[in-house]
Protein backbone atom coordinates (compact mmCIF):
# COMPACT_ATOMS: atom_id res chain seq x y z
CA UNK A 1 -25.99 -60.67 -18.66
CA UNK A 2 -24.19 -60.69 -15.23
CA UNK A 3 -21.06 -58.87 -13.80
CA UNK A 4 -18.53 -60.70 -12.18
CA UNK A 5 -17.54 -58.93 -9.03
CA UNK A 6 -13.99 -59.51 -7.80
CA UNK A 7 -12.26 -58.83 -4.77
CA UNK A 8 -10.72 -55.84 -6.04
CA UNK A 9 -13.93 -54.15 -7.29
CA UNK A 10 -14.07 -52.05 -4.02
CA UNK A 11 -10.39 -51.00 -3.42
CA UNK A 12 -10.54 -49.74 -6.99
CA UNK A 13 -13.57 -47.93 -6.26
CA UNK A 14 -11.82 -46.12 -3.69
CA UNK A 15 -8.71 -45.57 -5.58
CA UNK A 16 -10.93 -43.83 -8.09
CA UNK A 17 -12.91 -41.92 -5.88
CA UNK A 18 -9.93 -40.81 -3.88
CA UNK A 19 -8.02 -39.74 -6.81
CA UNK A 20 -10.94 -37.91 -8.34
CA UNK A 21 -11.70 -36.07 -5.25
CA UNK A 22 -8.22 -35.00 -4.66
CA UNK A 23 -7.64 -33.96 -8.27
CA UNK A 24 -11.07 -31.68 -7.97
CA UNK A 25 -10.20 -30.11 -4.84
CA UNK A 26 -6.56 -29.32 -6.26
CA UNK A 27 -7.98 -28.04 -9.30
CA UNK A 28 -10.73 -26.10 -7.85
CA UNK A 29 -8.30 -24.26 -5.58
CA UNK A 30 -5.81 -23.68 -8.12
CA UNK A 31 -8.39 -22.18 -10.44
CA UNK A 32 -9.74 -19.98 -7.98
CA UNK A 33 -6.33 -18.78 -6.97
CA UNK A 34 -5.74 -18.20 -10.58
CA UNK A 35 -8.74 -16.32 -11.17
CA UNK A 36 -7.66 -13.56 -8.32
CA UNK A 37 -5.26 -12.76 -10.81
CA UNK A 38 -6.41 -13.49 -14.11
CA UNK A 39 -9.67 -11.59 -13.71
CA UNK A 40 -7.32 -8.21 -13.20
CA UNK A 41 -5.28 -8.99 -15.92
CA UNK A 42 -8.21 -9.41 -18.41
CA UNK A 43 -10.09 -6.50 -16.79
CA UNK A 44 -12.98 -8.45 -15.16
CA UNK A 45 -12.49 -6.85 -11.66
CA UNK A 46 -10.11 -4.74 -9.93
CA UNK A 47 -7.36 -5.56 -7.33
CA UNK A 48 -10.13 -5.55 -4.31
CA UNK A 49 -12.02 -8.66 -5.98
CA UNK A 50 -8.70 -10.10 -6.71
CA UNK A 51 -7.86 -9.87 -2.97
CA UNK A 52 -10.98 -11.16 -1.77
CA UNK A 53 -10.74 -14.16 -4.07
CA UNK A 54 -7.14 -14.63 -3.03
CA UNK A 55 -8.39 -14.42 0.72
CA UNK A 56 -10.76 -17.05 0.07
CA UNK A 57 -8.19 -19.46 -1.43
CA UNK A 58 -5.97 -18.66 1.43
CA UNK A 59 -8.72 -19.28 3.90
CA UNK A 60 -9.63 -23.06 2.84
CA UNK A 61 -6.38 -23.80 0.90
CA UNK A 62 -4.34 -25.51 3.89
CA UNK A 63 -7.17 -27.60 4.74
CA UNK A 64 -7.59 -28.57 0.90
CA UNK A 65 -3.93 -29.09 0.59
CA UNK A 66 -3.72 -31.71 3.60
CA UNK A 67 -6.67 -33.28 2.55
CA UNK A 68 -5.23 -33.87 -0.91
CA UNK A 69 -2.19 -34.91 0.44
CA UNK A 70 -3.87 -37.57 2.85
CA UNK A 71 -5.81 -38.76 0.05
CA UNK A 72 -2.73 -39.19 -2.09
CA UNK A 73 -0.72 -41.10 0.58
CA UNK A 74 -4.33 -43.42 1.07
CA UNK A 75 -4.51 -44.13 -2.58
CA UNK A 76 -0.66 -45.13 -2.66
CA UNK A 77 -1.13 -47.32 0.31
CA UNK A 78 -4.33 -48.83 -0.75
CA UNK A 79 -3.14 -49.74 -4.11
CA UNK A 80 0.04 -51.47 -2.93
CA UNK A 81 -1.91 -53.18 0.25
CA UNK A 82 -4.76 -54.71 -2.38
CA UNK A 83 -2.27 -54.90 -5.38
CA UNK A 84 -5.20 -53.13 -7.33
CA UNK A 85 -4.16 -53.44 -11.27
CA UNK A 86 -3.66 -50.31 -12.90
CA UNK A 87 -3.67 -48.55 -9.63
CA UNK A 88 -1.16 -46.00 -10.68
CA UNK A 89 -3.50 -43.77 -12.93
CA UNK A 90 -5.58 -43.05 -9.70
CA UNK A 91 -2.68 -42.48 -7.45
CA UNK A 92 -1.14 -40.10 -10.26
CA UNK A 93 -4.57 -38.10 -10.26
CA UNK A 94 -4.24 -37.81 -6.75
CA UNK A 95 -0.86 -36.80 -6.14
CA UNK A 96 -1.61 -34.18 -9.02
CA UNK A 97 -4.32 -33.06 -7.15
CA UNK A 98 -2.10 -32.70 -3.86
CA UNK A 99 0.67 -30.91 -5.86
CA UNK A 100 -1.79 -28.31 -7.36
CA UNK A 101 -3.54 -27.93 -3.90
CA UNK A 102 -0.35 -26.97 -2.36
CA UNK A 103 0.71 -24.62 -5.11
CA UNK A 104 -2.34 -22.90 -4.83
CA UNK A 105 -1.90 -22.79 -0.96
CA UNK A 106 1.56 -21.29 -1.02
CA UNK A 107 0.85 -18.60 -3.71
CA UNK A 108 -1.24 -16.50 -1.30
CA UNK A 109 0.88 -17.52 1.60
CA UNK A 110 4.10 -16.02 -0.31
CA UNK A 111 2.36 -12.55 0.34
CA UNK A 112 2.37 -12.81 4.07
CA UNK A 113 4.86 -10.92 5.94
CA UNK A 114 7.68 -13.12 7.40
CA UNK A 115 6.51 -14.28 11.11
CA UNK A 116 7.96 -11.26 13.68
CA UNK A 117 8.09 -8.77 10.69
CA UNK A 118 5.78 -5.73 10.84
CA UNK A 119 5.65 -3.41 8.35
CA UNK A 120 4.25 -0.05 8.85
CA UNK A 121 0.73 0.90 6.74
CA UNK A 122 2.93 3.24 4.37
CA UNK A 123 3.24 3.08 0.73
CA UNK A 124 5.32 6.22 0.15
CA UNK A 125 9.48 5.74 0.59
CA UNK A 126 11.64 8.44 0.13
CA UNK A 127 15.57 8.51 1.13
CA UNK A 128 15.04 12.26 1.58
CA UNK A 129 11.92 12.92 3.91
CA UNK A 130 12.49 16.47 4.09
CA UNK A 131 12.70 17.26 0.45
CA UNK A 132 11.32 14.29 -1.33
CA UNK A 133 12.07 13.83 -5.04
CA UNK A 134 9.26 15.09 -7.03
CA UNK A 135 7.44 13.36 -10.11
CA UNK A 136 7.03 15.34 -13.05
CA UNK A 137 6.24 13.15 -16.08
CA UNK A 138 4.50 10.35 -13.94
CA UNK A 139 2.27 12.78 -12.30
CA UNK A 140 0.11 12.90 -15.12
CA UNK A 141 -0.20 9.41 -15.39
CA UNK A 142 -1.55 9.03 -11.88
CA UNK A 143 -4.47 11.53 -12.50
CA UNK A 144 -7.02 8.59 -11.51
CA UNK A 145 -4.91 6.78 -8.76
CA UNK A 146 -6.20 6.74 -5.33
CA UNK A 147 -3.13 7.61 -3.74
CA UNK A 148 -1.68 10.87 -3.80
CA UNK A 149 1.91 12.19 -4.59
CA UNK A 150 1.78 14.64 -1.80
CA UNK A 151 4.28 13.10 0.46
CA UNK A 152 2.36 12.34 3.44
CA UNK A 153 -0.89 13.17 1.91
CA UNK A 154 -2.69 9.69 1.83
CA UNK A 155 -4.73 7.69 4.30
CA UNK A 156 -5.07 10.04 7.19
CA UNK A 157 -1.57 10.33 7.09
CA UNK A 158 0.94 13.49 7.59
CA UNK A 159 4.58 14.19 6.49
CA UNK A 160 5.39 14.02 10.27
CA UNK A 161 4.09 10.64 10.68
CA UNK A 162 5.05 9.17 7.40
CA UNK A 163 8.79 10.53 8.47
CA UNK A 164 8.80 8.74 11.72
CA UNK A 165 7.43 5.59 10.37
CA UNK A 166 10.02 5.50 7.54
CA UNK A 167 12.93 6.42 9.98
CA UNK A 168 11.83 3.48 12.18
CA UNK A 169 11.04 0.76 9.48
CA UNK A 170 13.78 1.81 7.22
CA UNK A 171 16.69 3.66 8.51
CA UNK A 172 18.99 2.22 6.00
CA UNK A 173 17.26 4.02 3.24
CA UNK A 174 18.88 7.43 3.11
CA UNK A 175 20.55 9.69 0.35
CA UNK A 176 23.27 7.62 -0.93
CA UNK A 177 26.71 8.95 -1.78
CA UNK A 178 29.00 7.75 -4.52
CA UNK A 179 32.56 8.49 -5.63
CA UNK A 180 31.74 8.29 -9.25
CA UNK A 181 30.49 11.36 -11.26
CA UNK A 182 27.10 12.08 -11.71
CA UNK A 183 27.28 10.93 -15.63
CA UNK A 184 28.41 7.81 -14.55
CA UNK A 185 25.77 7.17 -12.00
CA UNK A 186 22.96 8.24 -14.33
CA UNK A 187 24.03 5.63 -16.77
CA UNK A 188 24.12 2.99 -14.02
CA UNK A 189 20.69 4.07 -12.79
CA UNK A 190 19.36 3.65 -16.40
CA UNK A 191 20.89 0.25 -16.55
CA UNK A 192 19.43 -0.53 -13.45
CA UNK A 193 16.02 0.46 -14.38
CA UNK A 194 16.43 -1.85 -17.23
CA UNK A 195 17.90 -4.78 -15.30
CA UNK A 196 14.87 -4.49 -12.68
CA UNK A 197 12.34 -4.57 -15.50
CA UNK A 198 10.96 -1.25 -14.65
CA UNK A 199 9.24 0.67 -17.43
CA UNK A 200 11.39 3.81 -18.18
CA UNK A 201 8.94 6.93 -18.41
CA UNK A 202 11.26 9.76 -18.63
CA UNK A 203 15.02 10.74 -18.53
CA UNK A 204 16.75 14.09 -18.31
CA UNK A 205 20.19 14.09 -17.71
CA UNK A 206 20.70 17.99 -17.52
CA UNK A 207 18.61 17.51 -14.28
CA UNK A 208 19.69 14.05 -13.11
CA UNK A 209 15.75 12.90 -12.97
CA UNK A 210 14.69 9.38 -13.98
CA UNK A 211 11.02 8.44 -13.46
CA UNK A 212 10.17 4.78 -14.17
CA UNK A 213 7.03 2.51 -13.25
CA UNK A 214 7.49 -0.98 -11.92
CA UNK A 215 4.35 -3.20 -12.45
CA UNK A 216 4.02 -6.36 -10.15
CA UNK A 217 3.34 -9.66 -11.49
CA UNK A 218 0.65 -11.08 -9.49
CA UNK A 219 -2.19 -8.21 -9.21
CA UNK A 220 -0.52 -5.89 -11.77
CA UNK A 221 -0.19 -3.01 -9.23
CA UNK A 222 1.58 -0.10 -10.58
CA UNK A 223 4.18 1.75 -8.22
CA UNK A 224 6.14 4.60 -9.34
CA UNK A 225 9.91 5.46 -8.87
CA UNK A 226 11.69 8.74 -9.17
CA UNK A 227 15.47 9.04 -8.98
CA UNK A 228 17.34 12.17 -8.32
CA UNK A 229 20.99 12.42 -9.23
CA UNK A 230 23.27 15.50 -8.18
CA UNK A 231 26.62 16.35 -8.28
CA UNK A 232 28.26 18.06 -5.28
CA UNK A 233 32.12 18.59 -5.54
CA UNK A 234 33.75 15.12 -5.94
CA UNK A 235 30.94 13.49 -4.68
CA UNK A 236 27.55 12.12 -6.29
CA UNK A 237 24.44 11.99 -4.18
CA UNK A 238 21.22 10.13 -5.11
CA UNK A 239 17.86 10.03 -3.73
CA UNK A 240 15.06 7.95 -4.93
CA UNK A 241 11.40 7.51 -3.98
CA UNK A 242 9.03 4.52 -4.77
CA UNK A 243 5.13 5.48 -4.43
CA UNK A 244 2.37 2.53 -4.82
CA UNK A 245 -0.60 3.93 -6.74
CA UNK A 246 -3.20 2.05 -4.61
CA UNK A 247 -3.44 0.45 -1.23
CA UNK A 248 -2.69 1.97 2.23
CA UNK A 249 0.15 -0.22 2.95
CA UNK A 250 2.75 -2.00 0.44
CA UNK A 251 4.33 -4.75 2.75
CA UNK A 252 7.46 -3.51 2.23
CA UNK A 253 7.64 -3.71 -1.55
CA UNK A 254 8.84 -0.11 -2.14
CA UNK A 255 11.65 -0.33 0.44
CA UNK A 256 12.62 -3.57 -1.25
CA UNK A 257 12.41 -1.87 -4.62
CA UNK A 258 14.75 0.97 -3.48
CA UNK A 259 17.36 -1.33 -1.91
CA UNK A 260 17.61 -3.39 -5.29
CA UNK A 261 18.08 -0.21 -7.09
CA UNK A 262 21.09 1.01 -4.59
CA UNK A 263 22.62 -2.40 -4.77
CA UNK A 264 23.17 -2.27 -8.53
CA UNK A 265 24.10 1.39 -8.39
CA UNK A 266 27.06 0.04 -6.25
CA UNK A 267 28.40 -2.51 -8.68
């Protein structure tokens, strides 16, 4: 039995190899990126291993993503140039691999601070630096958390250093004043907690205290928030504090969280 070899045999083989190679690299990078978070969700490892896997994906991601893109372009060009029959399926494999690779690469890239933005290595942001709002109900939930709730008491930090770095990085995050009554602001704050997708842990209208927890999507980090609302004369003053349970720095996450809260309270 003989196999007739046509002029399209080699080009078709190249398309097949290119398409499958692109798909394999894209799938591999995608699975590595996904595993960094999936392992945390399923309890297989902690955030440290997750960060390690994501770092590996990021280290090789750009190189693999460009390689997959070049393979996709090459298969498309070869398919048109040699007029290979049914070339579309191989081109589709190559394009799918390139898309997977770029998505897998851009996910860890999204965790990087914007160019030129340097966040201080802090994870405890309070609008009242002198007398930070204290956690009550949530304090029990953080018994095993690496980060303490003592203001300026984590990672070789001091209250003075924390105040200085917060003032420099987030000068806008100070005690907020509203003309509405404390009851109105309290209800607005509860609505904001719900709108932001935080888990409400405790509320006490008589003391103007609200405590909640925000769980980040990718690595399932739990950051805790306490809101203190107080009426003084015709004005209502609001202080808020957001503290990460793990990690030395928060890449601005706690500050962003408080800004979102105050933006909703203004509405």
